[in-house]
Every structure is written in C-alpha cells, then in structure tokens.
Amino acid sequence: MESNNILEAFNRDMETAARFNIPQGEMDRFHRVACCGGVTRWLAYRTAHICVLHDPQSMPPCGSLSLMSKYCSKLWKLYKDIGLSPLAYFCGPPGRDPLDMMRSLTVQLLQVVTRSDLSPPDEPSRFIQSIMDGGLVTVMAMFTRLSQTLPRSKKVTILIDSAYRSDHGQSALDMRTVMQFLDEIVRRRSATNRGGFFKVLATNPSAWEQRQWGLEFIQVNISYI
C-alpha cells in the first residue's frame, strides 16, 4: 500500500465513522460519552499516562465501526479545530493490524512535520519508502525521528479506536510493542516541559490486553458515568 492509499483509507474511515448512524436507543449513551469529563481532564492536565476509554456496549463482535468510532471522529475534528495535531486509527475494518496502524500514524505525522525540517531535499520520499517497506521496528524508528523534528510546543493527540480487535495471536504481541512504544513517546515529550505534548487515547482494549501492555493508565469507564 502506498502512502497516498494509507491517507485515503484514513480519510475514508474518518468519514464513515462521522456518518455512523446511532440507534435511537443509544443517543443518551452517546451524549454521556461525548460529555465525558474524564477525557476532558486527560487532555487539559499535564500527565504522562495513556487514557483508556471503556464502553462495553461499543464492542461489537462484527462490523467495522461503533458508537465509540463516531466519538473518536468527533474528538479528531474538535482537536483539529482548536489547533492540535490529531492522528487517528480505526482498528475495526478488515485487514487491520498494529503494523498497518503504525504506518498510518507515521504517514499522518509526516503531514504535520514541516518538510524543510527533513534533509536532504529527497528526505520525505525516503521516509515514505522506509515506512512502506519496513517492519514494525523500522516504522517505529521513523515515527520517533519525525516526533523529534517537531517543535517542543507542538501538541499531538493519537486516537486509537477499538483496540480490542488486536487482542489475539501475533497482533496481540505487536500491539503490546506499539503501546509500550507510544507510552515512551508520551513520557519523553512530557518530560521536556516546553508546553507541547503527545497524548494517546485508546478505546476498548480488552482487560487481557491491558495486563499484557503492563502500563499505567488514566481509565475512564462509561458504564459508571
């Protein structure tokens, strides 16, 4: 898949999630999710922890997207409108895995970076080639390099929807690697104390996944709101 195809898939997912038709009986629950103070506090406060948002009713066994996907699309638009640099990935559609997720997030981050910060002049094309051809370790290294070129004041949010879809087999192992990697990115940027941040929100990882990741989280449970 070429980088343009990755961006097209991202845009298609975002549009589909935004158009997700909420069943009439779930409108109240969606409003509770949308007004969730825990997520607002996570964004506002200086913290080095990933936020995990749980809504057990938004974990369909089949189908690509859910009510929580629509919420992520609204968060993405809100964050973009207030001047943040949001990245997002939807784990639900077929054929998705942690490597595809990291490729998508890295290509999205490349759109945030000022091209003049990458040298020599052909660096963007070489970056893209490495992203598209590399395995998980290579792509994470590309993401790290891009993150290090950002101004320290830049505010980046990463939204990962339906993480529970990667809780089996090799995908579970790769997802653990990715989440531990993103946690390190979050902590490293938080430690600079220059006004910017990387923040990560993941929706609906399974309890087993969270134990495997071995990280500290800010946890918000919609069932208890």
Protein backbone atom coordinates (compact mmCIF):
# COMPACT_ATOMS: atom_id res chain seq x y z
CA MET A 1 0.00 0.00 0.00
CA GLU A 2 1.38 3.43 -0.99
CA SER A 3 1.33 6.37 1.41
CA ASN A 4 -1.45 8.06 -0.58
CA ASN A 5 -3.53 4.91 -0.19
CA ILE A 6 -2.92 4.98 3.55
CA LEU A 7 -4.16 8.56 3.76
CA GLU A 8 -7.14 7.70 1.57
CA ALA A 9 -8.00 4.80 3.91
CA PHE A 10 -7.70 7.14 6.90
CA ASN A 11 -9.96 9.76 5.30
CA ARG A 12 -12.47 7.08 4.34
CA ASP A 13 -12.53 5.68 7.87
CA MET A 14 -12.97 9.15 9.33
CA GLU A 15 -15.87 9.95 7.00
CA THR A 16 -17.54 6.59 7.67
CA ALA A 17 -17.18 7.00 11.43
CA ALA A 18 -18.59 10.53 11.28
CA ARG A 19 -21.64 9.22 9.39
CA PHE A 20 -22.16 6.27 11.75
CA ASN A 21 -25.89 6.06 12.43
CA ILE A 22 -26.51 5.94 16.16
CA PRO A 23 -29.54 3.78 17.02
CA GLN A 24 -32.26 5.83 18.67
CA GLY A 25 -31.96 3.88 21.90
CA GLU A 26 -28.25 4.72 22.19
CA MET A 27 -28.45 8.50 21.77
CA ASP A 28 -28.41 9.08 25.52
CA ARG A 29 -25.34 6.90 25.91
CA PHE A 30 -23.57 8.74 23.10
CA HIS A 31 -24.24 12.08 24.79
CA ARG A 32 -22.79 10.69 28.02
CA VAL A 33 -19.68 9.64 26.11
CA ALA A 34 -19.44 13.00 24.32
CA CYS A 35 -19.68 14.90 27.61
CA CYS A 36 -17.24 12.64 29.40
CA GLY A 37 -15.31 14.78 31.87
CA GLY A 38 -12.56 12.19 32.28
CA VAL A 39 -11.40 12.64 28.69
CA THR A 40 -11.57 16.43 29.00
CA ARG A 41 -9.42 16.35 32.12
CA TRP A 42 -6.96 13.98 30.46
CA LEU A 43 -6.45 16.48 27.64
CA ALA A 44 -6.29 19.53 29.91
CA TYR A 45 -3.98 18.22 32.62
CA ARG A 46 -0.29 17.62 32.25
CA THR A 47 0.06 13.86 32.50
CA ALA A 48 2.36 11.21 31.13
CA HIS A 49 -0.28 8.47 31.12
CA ILE A 50 -2.22 7.00 28.21
CA CYS A 51 -6.00 7.33 28.56
CA VAL A 52 -8.12 4.19 28.14
CA LEU A 53 -11.82 4.75 27.47
CA HIS A 54 -14.10 1.77 28.10
CA ASP A 55 -17.65 1.39 26.86
CA PRO A 56 -18.54 -2.33 26.92
CA GLN A 57 -21.59 -1.72 24.74
CA SER A 58 -19.39 -0.39 21.92
CA MET A 59 -17.52 -3.64 21.31
CA PRO A 60 -19.47 -5.36 18.51
CA PRO A 61 -18.14 -8.82 17.58
CA CYS A 62 -18.57 -7.99 13.93
CA GLY A 63 -18.80 -4.81 11.90
CA SER A 64 -16.08 -2.25 11.37
CA LEU A 65 -17.18 0.73 13.43
CA SER A 66 -19.24 1.55 16.51
CA LEU A 67 -20.64 4.39 18.57
CA MET A 68 -17.15 4.83 20.02
CA SER A 69 -15.76 5.21 16.48
CA LYS A 70 -18.13 8.12 15.94
CA TYR A 71 -16.93 9.64 19.19
CA CYS A 72 -13.30 9.35 18.03
CA SER A 73 -14.15 11.08 14.76
CA LYS A 74 -15.77 13.95 16.68
CA LEU A 75 -12.77 14.22 19.00
CA TRP A 76 -10.44 14.31 15.99
CA LYS A 77 -12.39 17.18 14.42
CA LEU A 78 -12.63 19.06 17.73
CA TYR A 79 -8.90 18.75 18.38
CA LYS A 80 -8.09 19.89 14.85
CA ASP A 81 -10.44 22.88 15.18
CA ILE A 82 -8.72 24.05 18.39
CA GLY A 83 -5.25 23.88 16.86
CA LEU A 84 -3.98 20.49 17.95
CA SER A 85 -2.45 17.94 15.58
CA PRO A 86 -4.66 14.85 15.92
CA LEU A 87 -3.76 11.45 14.49
CA ALA A 88 -6.23 8.57 14.47
CA TYR A 89 -6.54 4.91 13.59
CA PHE A 90 -9.60 2.67 13.43
CA CYS A 91 -8.79 -0.97 14.23
CA GLY A 92 -12.20 -2.30 13.20
CA PRO A 93 -12.13 -2.55 9.37
CA PRO A 94 -10.87 -5.85 7.91
CA GLY A 95 -7.17 -6.31 7.30
CA ARG A 96 -6.02 -4.01 10.09
CA ASP A 97 -3.10 -4.86 12.35
CA PRO A 98 -0.57 -2.99 14.54
CA LEU A 99 1.94 -2.64 11.67
CA ASP A 100 -0.74 -1.05 9.49
CA MET A 101 -1.64 1.20 12.43
CA MET A 102 1.94 2.41 12.90
CA ARG A 103 2.34 3.01 9.17
CA SER A 104 -0.85 5.07 9.14
CA LEU A 105 0.08 7.09 12.25
CA THR A 106 3.58 7.73 10.88
CA VAL A 107 2.30 8.88 7.49
CA GLN A 108 -0.19 11.14 9.28
CA LEU A 109 2.61 12.56 11.45
CA LEU A 110 4.63 13.23 8.31
CA GLN A 111 1.84 15.63 7.25
CA VAL A 112 2.37 17.56 10.50
CA VAL A 113 6.14 17.90 10.12
CA THR A 114 7.49 20.85 8.15
CA ARG A 115 9.14 19.33 5.10
CA SER A 116 12.06 21.75 5.35
CA ASP A 117 12.94 20.09 8.66
CA LEU A 118 13.74 16.90 6.78
CA SER A 119 17.01 16.94 4.87
CA PRO A 120 18.38 16.33 2.31
CA PRO A 121 15.65 17.54 -0.10
CA ASP A 122 14.59 14.00 -1.01
CA GLU A 123 14.14 13.01 2.62
CA PRO A 124 10.31 12.87 2.54
CA SER A 125 10.34 10.31 -0.27
CA ARG A 126 12.99 8.25 1.53
CA PHE A 127 10.95 8.43 4.73
CA ILE A 128 7.86 7.22 2.92
CA GLN A 129 9.80 4.37 1.30
CA SER A 130 11.12 3.25 4.68
CA ILE A 131 7.63 3.44 6.18
CA MET A 132 6.06 1.40 3.40
CA ASP A 133 8.80 -1.24 3.13
CA GLY A 134 9.85 -1.57 6.76
CA GLY A 135 8.67 -3.87 9.51
CA LEU A 136 7.31 -2.73 12.84
CA VAL A 137 10.67 -1.81 14.40
CA THR A 138 11.66 0.26 11.35
CA VAL A 139 8.35 2.11 11.23
CA MET A 140 8.53 2.92 14.95
CA ALA A 141 12.03 4.30 14.37
CA MET A 142 10.65 6.51 11.58
CA PHE A 143 7.89 7.73 13.91
CA THR A 144 10.48 8.56 16.57
CA ARG A 145 12.61 10.53 14.10
CA LEU A 146 9.59 12.51 12.95
CA SER A 147 8.50 13.23 16.52
CA GLN A 148 11.96 14.60 17.28
CA THR A 149 11.71 17.15 14.45
CA LEU A 150 8.51 18.70 15.86
CA PRO A 151 8.72 21.98 17.77
CA ARG A 152 8.58 21.34 21.51
CA SER A 153 5.39 23.40 21.65
CA LYS A 154 3.53 21.12 19.20
CA LYS A 155 0.51 19.31 20.67
CA VAL A 156 -0.23 15.91 19.14
CA THR A 157 -3.08 13.59 20.09
CA ILE A 158 -3.35 9.97 18.94
CA LEU A 159 -6.77 8.30 18.95
CA ILE A 160 -6.86 4.50 18.63
CA ASP A 161 -10.37 3.12 18.18
CA SER A 162 -11.47 -0.45 19.00
CA ALA A 163 -8.15 -1.70 20.35
CA TYR A 164 -9.80 -4.96 21.44
CA ARG A 165 -9.67 -6.16 17.83
CA SER A 166 -5.93 -6.77 18.24
CA ASP A 167 -6.10 -8.99 21.33
CA HIS A 168 -5.15 -12.32 19.77
CA GLY A 169 -2.15 -14.06 18.22
CA GLN A 170 0.71 -12.10 16.72
CA SER A 171 -1.44 -8.96 16.63
CA ALA A 172 -1.61 -9.00 20.43
CA LEU A 173 2.18 -9.20 20.72
CA ASP A 174 2.67 -6.43 18.17
CA MET A 175 0.02 -4.27 19.85
CA ARG A 176 1.85 -4.60 23.16
CA THR A 177 5.06 -3.46 21.44
CA VAL A 178 3.28 -0.49 19.86
CA MET A 179 1.53 0.65 23.03
CA GLN A 180 4.72 0.41 25.08
CA PHE A 181 6.47 2.40 22.36
CA LEU A 182 3.78 5.11 22.32
CA ASP A 183 3.85 5.27 26.12
CA GLU A 184 7.58 6.01 25.92
CA ILE A 185 6.94 8.76 23.33
CA VAL A 186 4.31 10.30 25.62
CA ARG A 187 6.61 10.24 28.64
CA ARG A 188 9.62 11.59 26.76
CA ARG A 189 7.68 14.59 25.42
CA SER A 190 6.05 15.19 28.82
CA ALA A 191 9.49 15.35 30.46
CA THR A 192 10.60 18.29 28.27
CA ASN A 193 8.05 20.64 29.91
CA ARG A 194 8.00 23.02 26.92
CA GLY A 195 4.23 23.39 26.54
CA GLY A 196 3.72 20.71 23.90
CA PHE A 197 2.72 17.10 24.32
CA PHE A 198 1.96 13.75 22.80
CA LYS A 199 -1.22 12.22 24.21
CA VAL A 200 -2.72 8.83 23.40
CA LEU A 201 -6.31 7.69 23.89
CA ALA A 202 -7.26 4.06 23.20
CA THR A 203 -10.86 2.86 23.24
CA ASN A 204 -11.96 -0.54 24.49
CA PRO A 205 -8.80 -2.61 24.84
CA SER A 206 -9.67 -5.91 26.49
CA ALA A 207 -8.72 -6.40 30.14
CA TRP A 208 -6.28 -9.10 29.00
CA GLU A 209 -4.63 -6.64 26.59
CA GLN A 210 -4.18 -4.02 29.28
CA ARG A 211 -2.49 -6.52 31.56
CA GLN A 212 -0.19 -7.57 28.72
CA TRP A 213 0.77 -3.97 27.95
CA GLY A 214 1.95 -3.54 31.54
CA LEU A 215 1.41 0.23 31.60
CA GLU A 216 -0.19 2.76 33.93
CA PHE A 217 -3.35 4.33 32.52
CA ILE A 218 -5.90 7.00 33.15
CA GLN A 219 -9.01 4.85 32.91
CA VAL A 220 -12.49 6.16 32.12
CA ASN A 221 -15.44 3.75 32.24
CA ILE A 222 -18.58 4.98 30.51
CA SER A 223 -20.72 2.43 32.38
CA TYR A 224 -20.06 4.32 35.62
CA ILE A 225 -20.76 7.84 34.33
